[in-house]
Amino acid sequence: MSHPSRSYRSISLSGQTRPPTIQPSVAMKSAAERRWNEQLLRQFASKPLTYSEIVNGIDGAMQEAATQAELVRPGAGFTYITEALGVWTGRANRRIGSNGRNR
């Protein structure tokens, strides 16, 4: 999984150094990615083989699409991944077209 870039410039105010800051948009994207990742782990932790297959099936484009979906609606990143990979979650999955949108 990718990690957002951070600004490592420290700012000194009256001899004290502040830790580097992260842009709000980067923080939001990181939180969205973390949410769908944690949901995958919670759902499939008891099935290590399935979890491993899912993780290995996620490429950079799918990761980005899932994160974008999660930014729009919490839970949508997990749904995107499971539907795109055809993973059975105990619920019927909707089909995803070639443009990544539900049909």
C-alpha atoms as a PDB file:
ATOM      1  CA  MET A   1       0.000   0.000   0.000  1.00  0.00           C
ATOM      2  CA  SER A   2       1.227   3.484  -0.708  1.00  0.00           C
ATOM      3  CA  HIS A   3       2.050   6.012   1.943  1.00  0.00           C
ATOM      4  CA  PRO A   4       1.301   9.704   1.479  1.00  0.00           C
ATOM      5  CA  SER A   5       4.215  12.031   1.172  1.00  0.00           C
ATOM      6  CA  ARG A   6       4.807  14.322   4.091  1.00  0.00           C
ATOM      7  CA  SER A   7       6.559  17.605   4.444  1.00  0.00           C
ATOM      8  CA  TYR A   8       9.593  16.986   6.630  1.00  0.00           C
ATOM      9  CA  ARG A   9      10.450  20.634   7.126  1.00  0.00           C
ATOM     10  CA  SER A  10      10.391  21.440  10.794  1.00  0.00           C
ATOM     11  CA  ILE A  11       9.488  24.946  11.810  1.00  0.00           C
ATOM     12  CA  SER A  12      11.239  26.544  14.749  1.00  0.00           C
ATOM     13  CA  LEU A  13       9.295  29.015  16.862  1.00  0.00           C
ATOM     14  CA  SER A  14      11.163  30.520  19.793  1.00  0.00           C
ATOM     15  CA  GLY A  15      13.644  27.695  19.800  1.00  0.00           C
ATOM     16  CA  GLN A  16      10.982  24.955  19.762  1.00  0.00           C
ATOM     17  CA  THR A  17      10.575  22.648  16.797  1.00  0.00           C
ATOM     18  CA  ARG A  18       7.092  21.749  15.570  1.00  0.00           C
ATOM     19  CA  PRO A  19       6.531  18.350  13.975  1.00  0.00           C
ATOM     20  CA  PRO A  20       5.910  18.338  10.221  1.00  0.00           C
ATOM     21  CA  THR A  21       2.322  18.903   9.116  1.00  0.00           C
ATOM     22  CA  ILE A  22       0.231  16.922   6.649  1.00  0.00           C
ATOM     23  CA  GLN A  23      -2.090  18.596   4.159  1.00  0.00           C
ATOM     24  CA  PRO A  24      -5.780  17.988   5.029  1.00  0.00           C
ATOM     25  CA  SER A  25      -6.447  16.362   1.642  1.00  0.00           C
ATOM     26  CA  VAL A  26      -3.583  13.909   2.187  1.00  0.00           C
ATOM     27  CA  ALA A  27      -4.845  13.138   5.699  1.00  0.00           C
ATOM     28  CA  MET A  28      -8.379  12.518   4.381  1.00  0.00           C
ATOM     29  CA  LYS A  29      -7.091  10.194   1.664  1.00  0.00           C
ATOM     30  CA  SER A  30      -4.931   8.290   4.181  1.00  0.00           C
ATOM     31  CA  ALA A  31      -7.909   7.893   6.524  1.00  0.00           C
ATOM     32  CA  ALA A  32     -10.110   6.625   3.674  1.00  0.00           C
ATOM     33  CA  GLU A  33      -7.500   4.063   2.616  1.00  0.00           C
ATOM     34  CA  ARG A  34      -7.028   2.965   6.216  1.00  0.00           C
ATOM     35  CA  ARG A  35     -10.820   2.461   6.629  1.00  0.00           C
ATOM     36  CA  TRP A  36     -11.224   0.052   3.711  1.00  0.00           C
ATOM     37  CA  ASN A  37      -7.987  -1.750   4.622  1.00  0.00           C
ATOM     38  CA  GLU A  38      -9.153  -2.248   8.216  1.00  0.00           C
ATOM     39  CA  GLN A  39     -12.569  -3.426   7.035  1.00  0.00           C
ATOM     40  CA  LEU A  40     -10.934  -6.023   4.762  1.00  0.00           C
ATOM     41  CA  LEU A  41      -8.826  -7.248   7.662  1.00  0.00           C
ATOM     42  CA  ARG A  42     -11.806  -7.410  10.046  1.00  0.00           C
ATOM     43  CA  GLN A  43     -13.921  -9.279   7.499  1.00  0.00           C
ATOM     44  CA  PHE A  44     -11.270 -11.783   6.408  1.00  0.00           C
ATOM     45  CA  ALA A  45      -8.831 -12.091   9.353  1.00  0.00           C
ATOM     46  CA  SER A  46     -10.236 -15.512  10.200  1.00  0.00           C
ATOM     47  CA  LYS A  47      -9.609 -16.639   6.591  1.00  0.00           C
ATOM     48  CA  PRO A  48      -5.892 -15.995   6.010  1.00  0.00           C
ATOM     49  CA  LEU A  49      -5.824 -17.662   2.593  1.00  0.00           C
ATOM     50  CA  THR A  50      -8.744 -15.584   1.332  1.00  0.00           C
ATOM     51  CA  TYR A  51      -7.266 -12.414   2.831  1.00  0.00           C
ATOM     52  CA  SER A  52      -3.923 -13.139   1.167  1.00  0.00           C
ATOM     53  CA  GLU A  53      -5.588 -13.682  -2.211  1.00  0.00           C
ATOM     54  CA  ILE A  54      -7.504 -10.413  -1.866  1.00  0.00           C
ATOM     55  CA  VAL A  55      -4.404  -8.414  -0.936  1.00  0.00           C
ATOM     56  CA  ASN A  56      -2.459  -9.954  -3.823  1.00  0.00           C
ATOM     57  CA  GLY A  57      -5.296  -9.074  -6.210  1.00  0.00           C
ATOM     58  CA  ILE A  58      -5.240  -5.368  -5.362  1.00  0.00           C
ATOM     59  CA  ASP A  59      -3.119  -3.372  -7.794  1.00  0.00           C
ATOM     60  CA  GLY A  60      -2.368   0.339  -7.650  1.00  0.00           C
ATOM     61  CA  ALA A  61      -5.327   1.308  -9.842  1.00  0.00           C
ATOM     62  CA  MET A  62      -7.766  -0.721  -7.733  1.00  0.00           C
ATOM     63  CA  GLN A  63      -6.308   0.712  -4.532  1.00  0.00           C
ATOM     64  CA  GLU A  64      -6.756   4.251  -5.840  1.00  0.00           C
ATOM     65  CA  ALA A  65     -10.317   3.550  -7.037  1.00  0.00           C
ATOM     66  CA  ALA A  66     -11.269   1.999  -3.687  1.00  0.00           C
ATOM     67  CA  THR A  67      -9.811   4.964  -1.816  1.00  0.00           C
ATOM     68  CA  GLN A  68     -11.701   7.429  -4.032  1.00  0.00           C
ATOM     69  CA  ALA A  69     -14.937   5.479  -3.464  1.00  0.00           C
ATOM     70  CA  GLU A  70     -14.275   5.514   0.291  1.00  0.00           C
ATOM     71  CA  LEU A  71     -13.785   9.287   0.215  1.00  0.00           C
ATOM     72  CA  VAL A  72     -17.251   9.650  -1.307  1.00  0.00           C
ATOM     73  CA  ARG A  73     -18.987   7.203   1.037  1.00  0.00           C
ATOM     74  CA  PRO A  74     -17.523   5.322   4.011  1.00  0.00           C
ATOM     75  CA  GLY A  75     -17.726   1.584   3.332  1.00  0.00           C
ATOM     76  CA  ALA A  76     -17.641   2.009  -0.438  1.00  0.00           C
ATOM     77  CA  GLY A  77     -13.920   1.177  -0.691  1.00  0.00           C
ATOM     78  CA  PHE A  78     -14.453  -2.255   0.850  1.00  0.00           C
ATOM     79  CA  THR A  79     -17.459  -2.840  -1.420  1.00  0.00           C
ATOM     80  CA  TYR A  80     -15.461  -1.756  -4.466  1.00  0.00           C
ATOM     81  CA  ILE A  81     -12.618  -4.189  -3.704  1.00  0.00           C
ATOM     82  CA  THR A  82     -14.856  -7.168  -2.954  1.00  0.00           C
ATOM     83  CA  GLU A  83     -17.041  -6.589  -6.002  1.00  0.00           C
ATOM     84  CA  ALA A  84     -14.119  -5.970  -8.356  1.00  0.00           C
ATOM     85  CA  LEU A  85     -12.426  -9.178  -7.201  1.00  0.00           C
ATOM     86  CA  GLY A  86     -15.672 -11.170  -7.044  1.00  0.00           C
ATOM     87  CA  VAL A  87     -15.189 -12.004  -3.356  1.00  0.00           C
ATOM     88  CA  TRP A  88     -18.171 -13.557  -1.558  1.00  0.00           C
ATOM     89  CA  THR A  89     -18.958 -11.482   1.529  1.00  0.00           C
ATOM     90  CA  GLY A  90     -22.195 -13.176   2.493  1.00  0.00           C
ATOM     91  CA  ARG A  91     -24.194 -10.627   0.506  1.00  0.00           C
ATOM     92  CA  ALA A  92     -24.977 -10.535  -3.187  1.00  0.00           C
ATOM     93  CA  ASN A  93     -22.476  -8.307  -4.998  1.00  0.00           C
ATOM     94  CA  ARG A  94     -23.436  -5.908  -7.749  1.00  0.00           C
ATOM     95  CA  ARG A  95     -21.483  -6.158 -10.968  1.00  0.00           C
ATOM     96  CA  ILE A  96     -18.898  -3.504 -11.748  1.00  0.00           C
ATOM     97  CA  GLY A  97     -18.509  -2.318 -15.340  1.00  0.00           C
ATOM     98  CA  SER A  98     -15.226  -1.628 -17.062  1.00  0.00           C
ATOM     99  CA  ASN A  99     -15.395   2.023 -15.973  1.00  0.00           C
ATOM    100  CA  GLY A 100     -15.508   0.983 -12.301  1.00  0.00           C
ATOM    101  CA  ARG A 101     -19.097   2.113 -11.773  1.00  0.00           C
ATOM    102  CA  ASN A 102     -21.933  -0.041 -10.521  1.00  0.00           C
ATOM    103  CA  ARG A 103     -24.444  -1.175 -13.072  1.00  0.00           C
END
